Every structure is written in C-alpha cells, then in structure tokens.
Amino acid sequence: MHDDNVSRSFTAKAPNDVWLGDITEQSTLEGKLYVCAIKQIFSNRIVGYSIDSWMKSRIAANALNYHGVVG
C-alpha cells in the first residue's frame, strides 16, 4: 500500500501538481494488450501513454517518458 499524497482530491491548482495513471488490459486475437496512460489533472489531458504485450513496470516508465514528460 502506498501513501495517499493527494488525500483522494483529484484536483490541481497548477500544472504538474497531480497526475493520474491507469493500465488497461484488452484481449485480442493475438493475445493480451496493455495500455498505460498518464493524465495531468490541471489540463485534463493525457500527457503520456505506452502500449505493450506484457504488464511490466516498463509500461508505466515508458508512458512517463513519452514525449519527454519526465526527465
């Protein structure tokens, strides 16, 4: 279990205050597909995403690195 740093308040007063992430699993004829999206709450926009055939930690890391979102 991780700390709840936003106290379940999903609002932001400035860019980069609060981001959300989600991983979705989709079955296909060729197997499972995983999609991870990172959303910036202030702008209400998806700022990064990643698609992979395995749900490993790299899917989240790749979504954060999408278009230079992080580092």
C-alpha atoms as a PDB file:
ATOM      1  CA  MET A   1       0.000   0.000   0.000  1.00  0.00           C
ATOM      2  CA  HIS A   2       1.279   3.463  -0.901  1.00  0.00           C
ATOM      3  CA  ASP A   3       0.752   6.797   0.810  1.00  0.00           C
ATOM      4  CA  ASP A   4      -2.259   8.828  -0.352  1.00  0.00           C
ATOM      5  CA  ASN A   5      -0.403  12.069  -1.123  1.00  0.00           C
ATOM      6  CA  VAL A   6      -3.457  13.777  -2.648  1.00  0.00           C
ATOM      7  CA  SER A   7      -5.998  12.687   0.004  1.00  0.00           C
ATOM      8  CA  ARG A   8      -8.272  11.461  -2.795  1.00  0.00           C
ATOM      9  CA  SER A   9      -8.667  15.052  -4.009  1.00  0.00           C
ATOM     10  CA  PHE A  10      -8.241  14.781  -7.757  1.00  0.00           C
ATOM     11  CA  THR A  11      -7.973  18.491  -8.473  1.00  0.00           C
ATOM     12  CA  ALA A  12      -4.898  20.585  -9.185  1.00  0.00           C
ATOM     13  CA  LYS A  13      -4.200  24.296  -8.769  1.00  0.00           C
ATOM     14  CA  ALA A  14      -1.230  24.312 -11.154  1.00  0.00           C
ATOM     15  CA  PRO A  15       0.318  22.193 -13.914  1.00  0.00           C
ATOM     16  CA  ASN A  16       2.241  19.133 -12.718  1.00  0.00           C
ATOM     17  CA  ASP A  17       0.648  19.182  -9.230  1.00  0.00           C
ATOM     18  CA  VAL A  18      -1.336  15.954  -9.705  1.00  0.00           C
ATOM     19  CA  TRP A  19      -1.026  13.217 -12.327  1.00  0.00           C
ATOM     20  CA  LEU A  20      -3.032  10.016 -12.575  1.00  0.00           C
ATOM     21  CA  GLY A  21      -2.064   6.753 -14.207  1.00  0.00           C
ATOM     22  CA  ASP A  22      -4.071   3.760 -15.340  1.00  0.00           C
ATOM     23  CA  ILE A  23      -3.286   0.446 -17.015  1.00  0.00           C
ATOM     24  CA  THR A  24      -5.984  -1.282 -19.046  1.00  0.00           C
ATOM     25  CA  GLU A  25      -5.892  -4.868 -20.314  1.00  0.00           C
ATOM     26  CA  GLN A  26      -7.535  -5.750 -23.636  1.00  0.00           C
ATOM     27  CA  SER A  27      -7.857  -9.231 -25.104  1.00  0.00           C
ATOM     28  CA  THR A  28      -7.140  -9.531 -28.832  1.00  0.00           C
ATOM     29  CA  LEU A  29      -6.971 -12.414 -31.287  1.00  0.00           C
ATOM     30  CA  GLU A  30      -3.177 -12.368 -30.882  1.00  0.00           C
ATOM     31  CA  GLY A  31      -3.175 -12.237 -27.066  1.00  0.00           C
ATOM     32  CA  LYS A  32      -3.452  -9.600 -24.388  1.00  0.00           C
ATOM     33  CA  LEU A  33      -2.562  -5.962 -24.958  1.00  0.00           C
ATOM     34  CA  TYR A  34      -1.853  -3.488 -22.150  1.00  0.00           C
ATOM     35  CA  VAL A  35      -2.264   0.280 -22.419  1.00  0.00           C
ATOM     36  CA  CYS A  36      -0.940   2.675 -19.770  1.00  0.00           C
ATOM     37  CA  ALA A  37      -1.997   6.325 -19.811  1.00  0.00           C
ATOM     38  CA  ILE A  38      -0.759   9.256 -17.717  1.00  0.00           C
ATOM     39  CA  LYS A  39      -3.179  12.164 -17.239  1.00  0.00           C
ATOM     40  CA  GLN A  40      -2.294  15.642 -15.980  1.00  0.00           C
ATOM     41  CA  ILE A  41      -5.226  16.740 -13.835  1.00  0.00           C
ATOM     42  CA  PHE A  42      -4.766  20.514 -14.231  1.00  0.00           C
ATOM     43  CA  SER A  43      -5.062  20.425 -18.034  1.00  0.00           C
ATOM     44  CA  ASN A  44      -7.271  17.301 -18.067  1.00  0.00           C
ATOM     45  CA  ARG A  45      -5.090  15.916 -20.886  1.00  0.00           C
ATOM     46  CA  ILE A  46      -3.351  12.624 -21.495  1.00  0.00           C
ATOM     47  CA  VAL A  47       0.337  13.585 -21.418  1.00  0.00           C
ATOM     48  CA  GLY A  48       1.851  10.158 -21.960  1.00  0.00           C
ATOM     49  CA  TYR A  49       0.934   6.638 -22.938  1.00  0.00           C
ATOM     50  CA  SER A  50       2.506   3.288 -23.663  1.00  0.00           C
ATOM     51  CA  ILE A  51       1.296   0.038 -25.225  1.00  0.00           C
ATOM     52  CA  ASP A  52       2.900  -3.349 -24.590  1.00  0.00           C
ATOM     53  CA  SER A  53       2.132  -7.062 -24.731  1.00  0.00           C
ATOM     54  CA  TRP A  54       3.418  -7.521 -21.145  1.00  0.00           C
ATOM     55  CA  MET A  55       2.324  -5.717 -17.981  1.00  0.00           C
ATOM     56  CA  LYS A  56       5.737  -4.987 -16.520  1.00  0.00           C
ATOM     57  CA  SER A  57       6.967  -1.835 -14.792  1.00  0.00           C
ATOM     58  CA  ARG A  58       8.439  -0.628 -18.100  1.00  0.00           C
ATOM     59  CA  ILE A  59       4.951   0.138 -19.444  1.00  0.00           C
ATOM     60  CA  ALA A  60       4.494   2.854 -16.790  1.00  0.00           C
ATOM     61  CA  ALA A  61       8.068   4.101 -17.210  1.00  0.00           C
ATOM     62  CA  ASN A  62       7.597   4.351 -20.983  1.00  0.00           C
ATOM     63  CA  ALA A  63       4.325   6.257 -20.523  1.00  0.00           C
ATOM     64  CA  LEU A  64       6.092   8.757 -18.250  1.00  0.00           C
ATOM     65  CA  ASN A  65       8.937   9.143 -20.749  1.00  0.00           C
ATOM     66  CA  TYR A  66       6.548   9.703 -23.675  1.00  0.00           C
ATOM     67  CA  HIS A  67       7.470  12.986 -25.392  1.00  0.00           C
ATOM     68  CA  GLY A  68       9.737  13.912 -22.512  1.00  0.00           C
ATOM     69  CA  VAL A  69       7.052  14.100 -19.820  1.00  0.00           C
ATOM     70  CA  VAL A  70       9.717  13.075 -17.298  1.00  0.00           C
ATOM     71  CA  GLY A  71      13.474  13.584 -17.405  1.00  0.00           C
END
